[in-house]
């Protein structure tokens, strides 16, 4: 089993579509109520679904960057506003936070080997 995509609710498809395209996502499907993207790298997809309901952000979107500080600087130069700049976290990741137009939290991060193999990883049974 492989994770294919994550879909989030949005209140305005054109506004959100523009935001994610500016982040580097490549548009695959475009309609008035739904947009689907290919991640900037890899083959994971991500989609937006228009909802008339109030948006209640819940899931956190993590985007891995090899050169986090450079990526954040480039996005800031493009007008993206970050809530927090790159900082080293206690879980051995370096992260920076921003929000999309509906308030969904996006964390750009670099974890290196700690992404899958942190020191506290559960060891497989023998």
PDB file of N, CA and C in Angstrom:
ATOM      1  N   UNK A   1       0.840  -1.162   0.000  1.00  0.00           N
ATOM      2  CA  UNK A   1       0.000   0.000   0.000  1.00  0.00           C
ATOM      3  C   UNK A   1       0.899   1.243   0.000  1.00  0.00           C
ATOM      4  N   UNK A   2       0.567   2.225  -0.834  1.00  0.00           N
ATOM      5  CA  UNK A   2       1.309   3.485  -0.911  1.00  0.00           C
ATOM      6  C   UNK A   2       0.340   4.650  -0.723  1.00  0.00           C
ATOM      7  N   UNK A   3       0.787   5.663  -0.026  1.00  0.00           N
ATOM      8  CA  UNK A   3      -0.017   6.872   0.097  1.00  0.00           C
ATOM      9  C   UNK A   3       0.004   7.588  -1.245  1.00  0.00           C
ATOM     10  N   UNK A   4      -1.158   7.827  -1.795  1.00  0.00           N
ATOM     11  CA  UNK A   4      -1.263   8.476  -3.095  1.00  0.00           C
ATOM     12  C   UNK A   4      -1.440   9.972  -2.956  1.00  0.00           C
ATOM     13  N   UNK A   5      -2.450  10.391  -2.206  1.00  0.00           N
ATOM     14  CA  UNK A   5      -2.716  11.819  -2.115  1.00  0.00           C
ATOM     15  C   UNK A   5      -3.399  12.160  -0.808  1.00  0.00           C
ATOM     16  N   UNK A   6      -3.360  13.425  -0.504  1.00  0.00           N
ATOM     17  CA  UNK A   6      -4.095  14.000   0.608  1.00  0.00           C
ATOM     18  C   UNK A   6      -4.943  15.113   0.012  1.00  0.00           C
ATOM     19  N   UNK A   7      -6.205  15.198   0.437  1.00  0.00           N
ATOM     20  CA  UNK A   7      -7.114  16.231  -0.044  1.00  0.00           C
ATOM     21  C   UNK A   7      -7.497  17.119   1.139  1.00  0.00           C
ATOM     22  N   UNK A   8      -7.444  18.427   0.933  1.00  0.00           N
ATOM     23  CA  UNK A   8      -7.855  19.356   1.985  1.00  0.00           C
ATOM     24  C   UNK A   8      -9.023  20.206   1.493  1.00  0.00           C
ATOM     25  N   UNK A   9      -9.886  20.621   2.415  1.00  0.00           N
ATOM     26  CA  UNK A   9     -10.992  21.507   2.036  1.00  0.00           C
ATOM     27  C   UNK A   9     -10.498  22.939   1.917  1.00  0.00           C
ATOM     28  N   UNK A  10     -11.050  23.664   0.956  1.00  0.00           N
ATOM     29  CA  UNK A  10     -10.713  25.077   0.768  1.00  0.00           C
ATOM     30  C   UNK A  10     -11.986  25.868   0.498  1.00  0.00           C
ATOM     31  N   UNK A  11     -11.899  27.168   0.715  1.00  0.00           N
ATOM     32  CA  UNK A  11     -13.067  28.026   0.505  1.00  0.00           C
ATOM     33  C   UNK A  11     -13.050  28.735  -0.839  1.00  0.00           C
ATOM     34  N   UNK A  12     -11.904  28.720  -1.523  1.00  0.00           N
ATOM     35  CA  UNK A  12     -11.769  29.446  -2.785  1.00  0.00           C
ATOM     36  C   UNK A  12     -10.739  28.712  -3.648  1.00  0.00           C
ATOM     37  N   UNK A  13     -11.218  27.972  -4.641  1.00  0.00           N
ATOM     38  CA  UNK A  13     -10.315  27.168  -5.481  1.00  0.00           C
ATOM     39  C   UNK A  13      -9.286  28.028  -6.212  1.00  0.00           C
ATOM     40  N   UNK A  14      -9.672  29.095  -6.918  1.00  0.00           N
ATOM     41  CA  UNK A  14      -8.641  29.864  -7.630  1.00  0.00           C
ATOM     42  C   UNK A  14      -7.551  30.412  -6.710  1.00  0.00           C
ATOM     43  N   UNK A  15      -7.931  30.926  -5.553  1.00  0.00           N
ATOM     44  CA  UNK A  15      -6.948  31.475  -4.612  1.00  0.00           C
ATOM     45  C   UNK A  15      -6.000  30.378  -4.110  1.00  0.00           C
ATOM     46  N   UNK A  16      -6.543  29.248  -3.710  1.00  0.00           N
ATOM     47  CA  UNK A  16      -5.720  28.157  -3.197  1.00  0.00           C
ATOM     48  C   UNK A  16      -4.888  27.523  -4.302  1.00  0.00           C
ATOM     49  N   UNK A  17      -5.482  27.388  -5.475  1.00  0.00           N
ATOM     50  CA  UNK A  17      -4.743  26.825  -6.617  1.00  0.00           C
ATOM     51  C   UNK A  17      -3.517  27.690  -6.915  1.00  0.00           C
ATOM     52  N   UNK A  18      -3.688  28.993  -6.923  1.00  0.00           N
ATOM     53  CA  UNK A  18      -2.574  29.904  -7.172  1.00  0.00           C
ATOM     54  C   UNK A  18      -1.488  29.746  -6.100  1.00  0.00           C
ATOM     55  N   UNK A  19      -1.893  29.675  -4.842  1.00  0.00           N
ATOM     56  CA  UNK A  19      -0.945  29.535  -3.739  1.00  0.00           C
ATOM     57  C   UNK A  19      -0.083  28.273  -3.921  1.00  0.00           C
ATOM     58  N   UNK A  20      -0.725  27.139  -4.172  1.00  0.00           N
ATOM     59  CA  UNK A  20       0.035  25.886  -4.278  1.00  0.00           C
ATOM     60  C   UNK A  20       0.871  25.824  -5.560  1.00  0.00           C
ATOM     61  N   UNK A  21       0.393  26.426  -6.622  1.00  0.00           N
ATOM     62  CA  UNK A  21       1.225  26.484  -7.828  1.00  0.00           C
ATOM     63  C   UNK A  21       2.451  27.359  -7.583  1.00  0.00           C
ATOM     64  N   UNK A  22       2.286  28.447  -6.861  1.00  0.00           N
ATOM     65  CA  UNK A  22       3.434  29.296  -6.526  1.00  0.00           C
ATOM     66  C   UNK A  22       4.430  28.549  -5.650  1.00  0.00           C
ATOM     67  N   UNK A  23       3.943  27.593  -4.822  1.00  0.00           N
ATOM     68  CA  UNK A  23       4.841  26.767  -4.015  1.00  0.00           C
ATOM     69  C   UNK A  23       5.596  25.742  -4.867  1.00  0.00           C
ATOM     70  N   UNK A  24       5.140  25.529  -6.097  1.00  0.00           N
ATOM     71  CA  UNK A  24       5.828  24.593  -6.989  1.00  0.00           C
ATOM     72  C   UNK A  24       5.043  23.355  -7.343  1.00  0.00           C
ATOM     73  N   UNK A  25       3.817  23.218  -6.825  1.00  0.00           N
ATOM     74  CA  UNK A  25       2.988  22.067  -7.183  1.00  0.00           C
ATOM     75  C   UNK A  25       2.538  22.204  -8.631  1.00  0.00           C
ATOM     76  N   UNK A  26       2.484  21.086  -9.348  1.00  0.00           N
ATOM     77  CA  UNK A  26       2.118  21.082 -10.772  1.00  0.00           C
ATOM     78  C   UNK A  26       0.677  20.616 -10.941  1.00  0.00           C
ATOM     79  N   UNK A  27      -0.132  21.431 -11.574  1.00  0.00           N
ATOM     80  CA  UNK A  27      -1.556  21.173 -11.730  1.00  0.00           C
ATOM     81  C   UNK A  27      -1.803  19.979 -12.646  1.00  0.00           C
ATOM     82  N   UNK A  28      -2.614  19.017 -12.168  1.00  0.00           N
ATOM     83  CA  UNK A  28      -2.987  17.830 -12.947  1.00  0.00           C
ATOM     84  C   UNK A  28      -4.456  17.851 -13.351  1.00  0.00           C
ATOM     85  N   UNK A  29      -5.331  18.273 -12.420  1.00  0.00           N
ATOM     86  CA  UNK A  29      -6.776  18.295 -12.652  1.00  0.00           C
ATOM     87  C   UNK A  29      -7.279  19.652 -12.184  1.00  0.00           C
ATOM     88  N   UNK A  30      -8.123  20.267 -13.009  1.00  0.00           N
ATOM     89  CA  UNK A  30      -8.624  21.597 -12.681  1.00  0.00           C
ATOM     90  C   UNK A  30     -10.107  21.674 -12.982  1.00  0.00           C
ATOM     91  N   UNK A  31     -10.908  21.955 -11.967  1.00  0.00           N
ATOM     92  CA  UNK A  31     -12.334  22.164 -12.154  1.00  0.00           C
ATOM     93  C   UNK A  31     -12.776  23.233 -11.163  1.00  0.00           C
ATOM     94  N   UNK A  32     -13.999  23.724 -11.270  1.00  0.00           N
ATOM     95  CA  UNK A  32     -14.452  24.765 -10.346  1.00  0.00           C
ATOM     96  C   UNK A  32     -14.510  24.320  -8.877  1.00  0.00           C
ATOM     97  N   UNK A  33     -14.619  23.004  -8.649  1.00  0.00           N
ATOM     98  CA  UNK A  33     -14.754  22.522  -7.270  1.00  0.00           C
ATOM     99  C   UNK A  33     -13.598  21.633  -6.799  1.00  0.00           C
ATOM    100  N   UNK A  34     -12.611  21.385  -7.668  1.00  0.00           N
ATOM    101  CA  UNK A  34     -11.552  20.434  -7.318  1.00  0.00           C
ATOM    102  C   UNK A  34     -10.303  20.709  -8.151  1.00  0.00           C
ATOM    103  N   UNK A  35      -9.159  20.678  -7.495  1.00  0.00           N
ATOM    104  CA  UNK A  35      -7.877  20.769  -8.199  1.00  0.00           C
ATOM    105  C   UNK A  35      -6.957  19.710  -7.606  1.00  0.00           C
ATOM    106  N   UNK A  36      -6.191  19.069  -8.475  1.00  0.00           N
ATOM    107  CA  UNK A  36      -5.235  18.052  -8.029  1.00  0.00           C
ATOM    108  C   UNK A  36      -3.872  18.395  -8.608  1.00  0.00           C
ATOM    109  N   UNK A  37      -2.843  18.201  -7.792  1.00  0.00           N
ATOM    110  CA  UNK A  37      -1.482  18.574  -8.142  1.00  0.00           C
ATOM    111  C   UNK A  37      -0.523  17.420  -7.959  1.00  0.00           C
ATOM    112  N   UNK A  38       0.574  17.488  -8.672  1.00  0.00           N
ATOM    113  CA  UNK A  38       1.720  16.617  -8.460  1.00  0.00           C
ATOM    114  C   UNK A  38       2.695  17.417  -7.604  1.00  0.00           C
ATOM    115  N   UNK A  39       3.255  16.778  -6.583  1.00  0.00           N
ATOM    116  CA  UNK A  39       4.203  17.453  -5.704  1.00  0.00           C
ATOM    117  C   UNK A  39       5.386  17.978  -6.516  1.00  0.00           C
ATOM    118  N   UNK A  40       6.051  19.019  -6.009  1.00  0.00           N
ATOM    119  CA  UNK A  40       7.194  19.573  -6.741  1.00  0.00           C
ATOM    120  C   UNK A  40       8.271  18.544  -7.061  1.00  0.00           C
ATOM    121  N   UNK A  41       8.453  17.565  -6.201  1.00  0.00           N
ATOM    122  CA  UNK A  41       9.388  16.459  -6.452  1.00  0.00           C
ATOM    123  C   UNK A  41       8.688  15.165  -6.085  1.00  0.00           C
ATOM    124  N   UNK A  42       9.023  14.087  -6.766  1.00  0.00           N
ATOM    125  CA  UNK A  42       8.402  12.799  -6.485  1.00  0.00           C
ATOM    126  C   UNK A  42       7.086  12.647  -7.213  1.00  0.00           C
ATOM    127  N   UNK A  43       6.325  11.619  -6.819  1.00  0.00           N
ATOM    128  CA  UNK A  43       5.060  11.353  -7.516  1.00  0.00           C
ATOM    129  C   UNK A  43       3.841  11.393  -6.596  1.00  0.00           C
ATOM    130  N   UNK A  44       3.983  11.996  -5.426  1.00  0.00           N
ATOM    131  CA  UNK A  44       2.851  12.154  -4.527  1.00  0.00           C
ATOM    132  C   UNK A  44       1.936  13.242  -5.076  1.00  0.00           C
ATOM    133  N   UNK A  45       0.636  13.031  -4.936  1.00  0.00           N
ATOM    134  CA  UNK A  45      -0.305  14.053  -5.378  1.00  0.00           C
ATOM    135  C   UNK A  45      -1.012  14.669  -4.176  1.00  0.00           C
ATOM    136  N   UNK A  46      -1.599  15.822  -4.414  1.00  0.00           N
ATOM    137  CA  UNK A  46      -2.217  16.635  -3.378  1.00  0.00           C
ATOM    138  C   UNK A  46      -3.412  17.313  -4.028  1.00  0.00           C
ATOM    139  N   UNK A  47      -4.539  17.379  -3.326  1.00  0.00           N
ATOM    140  CA  UNK A  47      -5.700  17.994  -3.960  1.00  0.00           C
ATOM    141  C   UNK A  47      -6.455  18.921  -3.029  1.00  0.00           C
ATOM    142  N   UNK A  48      -7.223  19.795  -3.661  1.00  0.00           N
ATOM    143  CA  UNK A  48      -8.060  20.783  -2.999  1.00  0.00           C
ATOM    144  C   UNK A  48      -9.499  20.501  -3.374  1.00  0.00           C
ATOM    145  N   UNK A  49     -10.389  20.548  -2.393  1.00  0.00           N
ATOM    146  CA  UNK A  49     -11.800  20.330  -2.665  1.00  0.00           C
ATOM    147  C   UNK A  49     -12.584  21.493  -2.078  1.00  0.00           C
ATOM    148  N   UNK A  50     -13.374  22.153  -2.926  1.00  0.00           N
ATOM    149  CA  UNK A  50     -14.170  23.292  -2.502  1.00  0.00           C
ATOM    150  C   UNK A  50     -15.256  22.822  -1.547  1.00  0.00           C
ATOM    151  N   UNK A  51     -15.409  23.530  -0.438  1.00  0.00           N
ATOM    152  CA  UNK A  51     -16.463  23.205   0.509  1.00  0.00           C
ATOM    153  C   UNK A  51     -17.208  24.478   0.902  1.00  0.00           C
ATOM    154  N   UNK A  52     -18.522  24.377   1.083  1.00  0.00           N
ATOM    155  CA  UNK A  52     -19.278  25.547   1.559  1.00  0.00           C
ATOM    156  C   UNK A  52     -19.183  25.685   3.081  1.00  0.00           C
ATOM    157  N   UNK A  53     -18.660  24.666   3.741  1.00  0.00           N
ATOM    158  CA  UNK A  53     -18.554  24.661   5.199  1.00  0.00           C
ATOM    159  C   UNK A  53     -17.390  25.540   5.670  1.00  0.00           C
ATOM    160  N   UNK A  54     -17.441  25.912   6.924  1.00  0.00           N
ATOM    161  CA  UNK A  54     -16.325  26.650   7.522  1.00  0.00           C
ATOM    162  C   UNK A  54     -15.087  25.755   7.499  1.00  0.00           C
ATOM    163  N   UNK A  55     -13.959  26.331   7.149  1.00  0.00           N
ATOM    164  CA  UNK A  55     -12.712  25.576   7.106  1.00  0.00           C
ATOM    165  C   UNK A  55     -12.156  25.467   8.525  1.00  0.00           C
ATOM    166  N   UNK A  56     -11.875  24.240   8.923  1.00  0.00           N
ATOM    167  CA  UNK A  56     -11.257  23.983  10.216  1.00  0.00           C
ATOM    168  C   UNK A  56      -9.958  23.234   9.933  1.00  0.00           C
ATOM    169  N   UNK A  57      -8.838  23.962   9.860  1.00  0.00           N
ATOM    170  CA  UNK A  57      -7.569  23.286   9.574  1.00  0.00           C
ATOM    171  C   UNK A  57      -7.276  22.218  10.627  1.00  0.00           C
ATOM    172  N   UNK A  58      -6.770  21.086  10.155  1.00  0.00           N
ATOM    173  CA  UNK A  58      -6.467  19.998  11.072  1.00  0.00           C
ATOM    174  C   UNK A  58      -5.141  19.343  10.750  1.00  0.00           C
ATOM    175  N   UNK A  59      -5.073  18.754   9.570  1.00  0.00           N
ATOM    176  CA  UNK A  59      -3.843  18.075   9.170  1.00  0.00           C
ATOM    177  C   UNK A  59      -2.732  19.096   8.959  1.00  0.00           C
ATOM    178  N   UNK A  60      -1.504  18.673   9.213  1.00  0.00           N
ATOM    179  CA  UNK A  60      -0.335  19.504   8.957  1.00  0.00           C
ATOM    180  C   UNK A  60       0.345  18.955   7.712  1.00  0.00           C
ATOM    181  N   UNK A  61       0.660  19.835   6.770  1.00  0.00           N
ATOM    182  CA  UNK A  61       1.290  19.442   5.517  1.00  0.00           C
ATOM    183  C   UNK A  61       2.794  19.623   5.662  1.00  0.00           C
ATOM    184  N   UNK A  62       3.544  18.538   5.514  1.00  0.00           N
ATOM    185  CA  UNK A  62       5.004  18.584   5.620  1.00  0.00           C
ATOM    186  C   UNK A  62       5.611  18.487   4.236  1.00  0.00           C
ATOM    187  N   UNK A  63       6.471  19.437   3.909  1.00  0.00           N
ATOM    188  CA  UNK A  63       7.175  19.445   2.632  1.00  0.00           C
ATOM    189  C   UNK A  63       8.669  19.394   2.924  1.00  0.00           C
ATOM    190  N   UNK A  64       9.304  18.314   2.510  1.00  0.00           N
ATOM    191  CA  UNK A  64      10.719  18.110   2.801  1.00  0.00           C
ATOM    192  C   UNK A  64      11.594  18.863   1.810  1.00  0.00           C
ATOM    193  N   UNK A  65      12.609  19.543   2.335  1.00  0.00           N
ATOM    194  CA  UNK A  65      13.531  20.336   1.527  1.00  0.00           C
ATOM    195  C   UNK A  65      14.961  19.938   1.874  1.00  0.00           C
ATOM    196  N   UNK A  66      15.779  19.713   0.866  1.00  0.00           N
ATOM    197  CA  UNK A  66      17.181  19.392   1.121  1.00  0.00           C
ATOM    198  C   UNK A  66      17.939  20.616   1.629  1.00  0.00           C
ATOM    199  N   UNK A  67      17.606  21.788   1.101  1.00  0.00           N
ATOM    200  CA  UNK A  67      18.271  23.041   1.501  1.00  0.00           C
ATOM    201  C   UNK A  67      17.200  23.968   2.061  1.00  0.00           C
ATOM    202  N   UNK A  68      16.747  23.674   3.255  1.00  0.00           N
ATOM    203  CA  UNK A  68      15.610  24.378   3.851  1.00  0.00           C
ATOM    204  C   UNK A  68      15.794  25.888   3.893  1.00  0.00           C
ATOM    205  N   UNK A  69      16.906  26.349   4.422  1.00  0.00           N
ATOM    206  CA  UNK A  69      17.098  27.788   4.572  1.00  0.00           C
ATOM    207  C   UNK A  69      17.059  28.508   3.224  1.00  0.00           C
ATOM    208  N   UNK A  70      17.663  27.910   2.214  1.00  0.00           N
ATOM    209  CA  UNK A  70      17.642  28.500   0.870  1.00  0.00           C
ATOM    210  C   UNK A  70      16.222  28.513   0.305  1.00  0.00           C
ATOM    211  N   UNK A  71      15.487  27.427   0.519  1.00  0.00           N
ATOM    212  CA  UNK A  71      14.108  27.336   0.024  1.00  0.00           C
ATOM    213  C   UNK A  71      13.231  28.396   0.684  1.00  0.00           C
ATOM    214  N   UNK A  72      13.343  28.543   1.984  1.00  0.00           N
ATOM    215  CA  UNK A  72      12.562  29.552   2.698  1.00  0.00           C
ATOM    216  C   UNK A  72      12.916  30.949   2.192  1.00  0.00           C
ATOM    217  N   UNK A  73      14.191  31.239   2.034  1.00  0.00           N
ATOM    218  CA  UNK A  73      14.609  32.553   1.532  1.00  0.00           C
ATOM    219  C   UNK A  73      14.042  32.822   0.143  1.00  0.00           C
ATOM    220  N   UNK A  74      14.065  31.813  -0.715  1.00  0.00           N
ATOM    221  CA  UNK A  74      13.528  31.977  -2.072  1.00  0.00           C
ATOM    222  C   UNK A  74      12.021  32.231  -2.028  1.00  0.00           C
ATOM    223  N   UNK A  75      11.297  31.508  -1.184  1.00  0.00           N
ATOM    224  CA  UNK A  75       9.854  31.711  -1.083  1.00  0.00           C
ATOM    225  C   UNK A  75       9.530  33.071  -0.469  1.00  0.00           C
ATOM    226  N   UNK A  76      10.311  33.507   0.503  1.00  0.00           N
ATOM    227  CA  UNK A  76      10.101  34.842   1.074  1.00  0.00           C
ATOM    228  C   UNK A  76      10.318  35.918   0.010  1.00  0.00           C
ATOM    229  N   UNK A  77      11.302  35.719  -0.844  1.00  0.00           N
ATOM    230  CA  UNK A  77      11.560  36.670  -1.929  1.00  0.00           C
ATOM    231  C   UNK A  77      10.391  36.710  -2.909  1.00  0.00           C
ATOM    232  N   UNK A  78       9.629  35.609  -2.979  1.00  0.00           N
ATOM    233  CA  UNK A  78       8.444  35.536  -3.852  1.00  0.00           C
ATOM    234  C   UNK A  78       7.189  36.063  -3.157  1.00  0.00           C
ATOM    235  N   UNK A  79       7.318  36.508  -1.907  1.00  0.00           N
ATOM    236  CA  UNK A  79       6.186  37.089  -1.200  1.00  0.00           C
ATOM    237  C   UNK A  79       5.514  36.189  -0.181  1.00  0.00           C
ATOM    238  N   UNK A  80       6.006  34.977   0.017  1.00  0.00           N
ATOM    239  CA  UNK A  80       5.416  34.104   1.030  1.00  0.00           C
ATOM    240  C   UNK A  80       5.812  34.602   2.414  1.00  0.00           C
ATOM    241  N   UNK A  81       4.846  34.609   3.335  1.00  0.00           N
ATOM    242  CA  UNK A  81       5.098  35.049   4.698  1.00  0.00           C
ATOM    243  C   UNK A  81       5.110  33.836   5.625  1.00  0.00           C
ATOM    244  N   UNK A  82       6.204  33.650   6.331  1.00  0.00           N
ATOM    245  CA  UNK A  82       6.354  32.527   7.242  1.00  0.00           C
ATOM    246  C   UNK A  82       6.012  32.951   8.667  1.00  0.00           C
ATOM    247  N   UNK A  83       5.330  32.068   9.403  1.00  0.00           N
ATOM    248  CA  UNK A  83       5.055  32.316  10.819  1.00  0.00           C
ATOM    249  C   UNK A  83       6.326  32.169  11.633  1.00  0.00           C
ATOM    250  N   UNK A  84       7.140  31.197  11.270  1.00  0.00           N
ATOM    251  CA  UNK A  84       8.420  30.981  11.932  1.00  0.00           C
ATOM    252  C   UNK A  84       9.457  30.679  10.861  1.00  0.00           C
ATOM    253  N   UNK A  85      10.632  31.226  11.054  1.00  0.00           N
ATOM    254  CA  UNK A  85      11.726  30.945  10.138  1.00  0.00           C
ATOM    255  C   UNK A  85      12.371  29.618  10.482  1.00  0.00           C
ATOM    256  N   UNK A  86      13.335  29.188   9.694  1.00  0.00           N
ATOM    257  CA  UNK A  86      13.997  27.913   9.953  1.00  0.00           C
ATOM    258  C   UNK A  86      14.574  27.857  11.364  1.00  0.00           C
ATOM    259  N   UNK A  87      14.259  26.777  12.062  1.00  0.00           N
ATOM    260  CA  UNK A  87      14.752  26.589  13.431  1.00  0.00           C
ATOM    261  C   UNK A  87      14.978  25.105  13.676  1.00  0.00           C
ATOM    262  N   UNK A  88      15.993  24.799  14.457  1.00  0.00           N
ATOM    263  CA  UNK A  88      16.281  23.416  14.838  1.00  0.00           C
ATOM    264  C   UNK A  88      15.302  23.007  15.934  1.00  0.00           C
ATOM    265  N   UNK A  89      14.674  21.846  15.746  1.00  0.00           N
ATOM    266  CA  UNK A  89      13.674  21.357  16.684  1.00  0.00           C
ATOM    267  C   UNK A  89      14.255  20.228  17.532  1.00  0.00           C
ATOM    268  N   UNK A  90      13.641  19.976  18.672  1.00  0.00           N
ATOM    269  CA  UNK A  90      14.099  18.939  19.588  1.00  0.00           C
ATOM    270  C   UNK A  90      14.016  17.538  19.027  1.00  0.00           C
ATOM    271  N   UNK A  91      13.222  17.339  17.982  1.00  0.00           N
ATOM    272  CA  UNK A  91      13.091  16.014  17.358  1.00  0.00           C
ATOM    273  C   UNK A  91      14.070  15.842  16.200  1.00  0.00           C
ATOM    274  N   UNK A  92      15.084  16.721  16.160  1.00  0.00           N
ATOM    275  CA  UNK A  92      16.210  16.625  15.223  1.00  0.00           C
ATOM    276  C   UNK A  92      15.846  16.985  13.790  1.00  0.00           C
ATOM    277  N   UNK A  93      14.781  17.765  13.609  1.00  0.00           N
ATOM    278  CA  UNK A  93      14.416  18.300  12.307  1.00  0.00           C
ATOM    279  C   UNK A  93      14.631  19.803  12.349  1.00  0.00           C
ATOM    280  N   UNK A  94      14.857  20.388  11.193  1.00  0.00           N
ATOM    281  CA  UNK A  94      14.888  21.841  11.055  1.00  0.00           C
ATOM    282  C   UNK A  94      13.611  22.210  10.311  1.00  0.00           C
ATOM    283  N   UNK A  95      12.844  23.161  10.834  1.00  0.00           N
ATOM    284  CA  UNK A  95      11.524  23.474  10.281  1.00  0.00           C
ATOM    285  C   UNK A  95      11.291  24.967  10.147  1.00  0.00           C
ATOM    286  N   UNK A  96      10.396  25.323   9.220  1.00  0.00           N
ATOM    287  CA  UNK A  96       9.856  26.671   9.073  1.00  0.00           C
ATOM    288  C   UNK A  96       8.367  26.520   8.774  1.00  0.00           C
ATOM    289  N   UNK A  97       7.537  27.406   9.333  1.00  0.00           N
ATOM    290  CA  UNK A  97       6.085  27.268   9.206  1.00  0.00           C
ATOM    291  C   UNK A  97       5.453  28.418   8.442  1.00  0.00           C
ATOM    292  N   UNK A  98       4.478  28.068   7.614  1.00  0.00           N
ATOM    293  CA  UNK A  98       3.621  29.057   6.966  1.00  0.00           C
ATOM    294  C   UNK A  98       2.221  28.479   6.871  1.00  0.00           C
ATOM    295  N   UNK A  99       1.281  29.289   6.494  1.00  0.00           N
ATOM    296  CA  UNK A  99      -0.113  28.830   6.348  1.00  0.00           C
ATOM    297  C   UNK A  99      -0.614  29.170   4.952  1.00  0.00           C
ATOM    298  N   UNK A 100      -1.494  28.293   4.456  1.00  0.00           N
ATOM    299  CA  UNK A 100      -2.108  28.570   3.152  1.00  0.00           C
ATOM    300  C   UNK A 100      -3.256  29.560   3.361  1.00  0.00           C
ATOM    301  N   UNK A 101      -3.924  29.991   2.298  1.00  0.00           N
ATOM    302  CA  UNK A 101      -4.966  31.021   2.444  1.00  0.00           C
ATOM    303  C   UNK A 101      -6.124  30.643   3.368  1.00  0.00           C
ATOM    304  N   UNK A 102      -6.369  29.344   3.582  1.00  0.00           N
ATOM    305  CA  UNK A 102      -7.442  28.918   4.481  1.00  0.00           C
ATOM    306  C   UNK A 102      -6.931  28.570   5.878  1.00  0.00           C
ATOM    307  N   UNK A 103      -5.652  28.790   6.131  1.00  0.00           N
ATOM    308  CA  UNK A 103      -5.117  28.558   7.465  1.00  0.00           C
ATOM    309  C   UNK A 103      -4.515  27.190   7.699  1.00  0.00           C
ATOM    310  N   UNK A 104      -4.446  26.338   6.668  1.00  0.00           N
ATOM    311  CA  UNK A 104      -3.816  25.034   6.822  1.00  0.00           C
ATOM    312  C   UNK A 104      -2.324  25.240   7.090  1.00  0.00           C
ATOM    313  N   UNK A 105      -1.805  24.578   8.117  1.00  0.00           N
ATOM    314  CA  UNK A 105      -0.404  24.714   8.486  1.00  0.00           C
ATOM    315  C   UNK A 105       0.478  23.899   7.543  1.00  0.00           C
ATOM    316  N   UNK A 106       1.517  24.542   7.045  1.00  0.00           N
ATOM    317  CA  UNK A 106       2.494  23.895   6.167  1.00  0.00           C
ATOM    318  C   UNK A 106       3.852  24.032   6.835  1.00  0.00           C
ATOM    319  N   UNK A 107       4.538  22.919   6.988  1.00  0.00           N
ATOM    320  CA  UNK A 107       5.881  22.915   7.564  1.00  0.00           C
ATOM    321  C   UNK A 107       6.862  22.499   6.487  1.00  0.00           C
ATOM    322  N   UNK A 108       7.756  23.399   6.142  1.00  0.00           N
ATOM    323  CA  UNK A 108       8.892  23.031   5.311  1.00  0.00           C
ATOM    324  C   UNK A 108       9.954  22.553   6.275  1.00  0.00           C
ATOM    325  N   UNK A 109      10.603  21.450   5.957  1.00  0.00           N
ATOM    326  CA  UNK A 109      11.542  20.888   6.918  1.00  0.00           C
ATOM    327  C   UNK A 109      12.671  20.146   6.235  1.00  0.00           C
ATOM    328  N   UNK A 110      13.720  19.935   7.018  1.00  0.00           N
ATOM    329  CA  UNK A 110      14.811  19.042   6.623  1.00  0.00           C
ATOM    330  C   UNK A 110      15.104  18.161   7.826  1.00  0.00           C
ATOM    331  N   UNK A 111      15.123  16.857   7.598  1.00  0.00           N
ATOM    332  CA  UNK A 111      15.355  15.920   8.692  1.00  0.00           C
ATOM    333  C   UNK A 111      16.555  15.024   8.451  1.00  0.00           C
ATOM    334  N   UNK A 112      17.024  14.931   7.218  1.00  0.00           N
ATOM    335  CA  UNK A 112      18.150  14.040   6.931  1.00  0.00           C
ATOM    336  C   UNK A 112      17.814  12.608   7.330  1.00  0.00           C
ATOM    337  N   UNK A 113      18.771  11.909   7.923  1.00  0.00           N
ATOM    338  CA  UNK A 113      18.559  10.507   8.304  1.00  0.00           C
ATOM    339  C   UNK A 113      17.500  10.378   9.396  1.00  0.00           C
ATOM    340  N   UNK A 114      17.240  11.462  10.137  1.00  0.00           N
ATOM    341  CA  UNK A 114      16.268  11.395  11.229  1.00  0.00           C
ATOM    342  C   UNK A 114      14.824  11.357  10.747  1.00  0.00           C
ATOM    343  N   UNK A 115      14.605  11.554   9.455  1.00  0.00           N
ATOM    344  CA  UNK A 115      13.248  11.478   8.906  1.00  0.00           C
ATOM    345  C   UNK A 115      12.662  10.087   9.120  1.00  0.00           C
ATOM    346  N   UNK A 116      13.441   9.064   8.825  1.00  0.00           N
ATOM    347  CA  UNK A 116      12.952   7.690   8.949  1.00  0.00           C
ATOM    348  C   UNK A 116      13.672   6.930  10.060  1.00  0.00           C
ATOM    349  N   UNK A 117      14.856   7.382  10.427  1.00  0.00           N
ATOM    350  CA  UNK A 117      15.653   6.630  11.392  1.00  0.00           C
ATOM    351  C   UNK A 117      16.137   7.514  12.548  1.00  0.00           C
ATOM    352  N   UNK A 118      15.192   8.086  13.341  1.00  0.00           N
ATOM    353  CA  UNK A 118      15.630   8.882  14.486  1.00  0.00           C
ATOM    354  C   UNK A 118      16.201   7.958  15.569  1.00  0.00           C
ATOM    355  N   UNK A 119      16.960   8.504  16.503  1.00  0.00           N
ATOM    356  CA  UNK A 119      17.552   7.675  17.548  1.00  0.00           C
ATOM    357  C   UNK A 119      16.515   6.900  18.369  1.00  0.00           C
ATOM    358  N   UNK A 120      15.289   7.387  18.470  1.00  0.00           N
ATOM    359  CA  UNK A 120      14.244   6.736  19.271  1.00  0.00           C
ATOM    360  C   UNK A 120      13.323   5.840  18.435  1.00  0.00           C
ATOM    361  N   UNK A 121      13.748   5.532  17.225  1.00  0.00           N
ATOM    362  CA  UNK A 121      12.926   4.679  16.354  1.00  0.00           C
ATOM    363  C   UNK A 121      12.671   3.328  17.031  1.00  0.00           C
ATOM    364  N   UNK A 122      11.460   2.815  16.835  1.00  0.00           N
ATOM    365  CA  UNK A 122      11.104   1.500  17.342  1.00  0.00           C
ATOM    366  C   UNK A 122      11.915   0.470  16.579  1.00  0.00           C
ATOM    367  N   UNK A 123      12.571  -0.420  17.315  1.00  0.00           N
ATOM    368  CA  UNK A 123      13.398  -1.448  16.682  1.00  0.00           C
ATOM    369  C   UNK A 123      12.531  -2.634  16.293  1.00  0.00           C
ATOM    370  N   UNK A 124      12.769  -3.196  15.090  1.00  0.00           N
ATOM    371  CA  UNK A 124      11.978  -4.365  14.696  1.00  0.00           C
ATOM    372  C   UNK A 124      12.277  -5.548  15.607  1.00  0.00           C
ATOM    373  N   UNK A 125      11.252  -6.362  15.820  1.00  0.00           N
ATOM    374  CA  UNK A 125      11.434  -7.552  16.648  1.00  0.00           C
ATOM    375  C   UNK A 125      12.276  -8.564  15.901  1.00  0.00           C
ATOM    376  N   UNK A 126      13.114  -9.264  16.644  1.00  0.00           N
ATOM    377  CA  UNK A 126      14.008 -10.254  16.030  1.00  0.00           C
ATOM    378  C   UNK A 126      13.258 -11.480  15.570  1.00  0.00           C
TER     379      UNK A 126
END
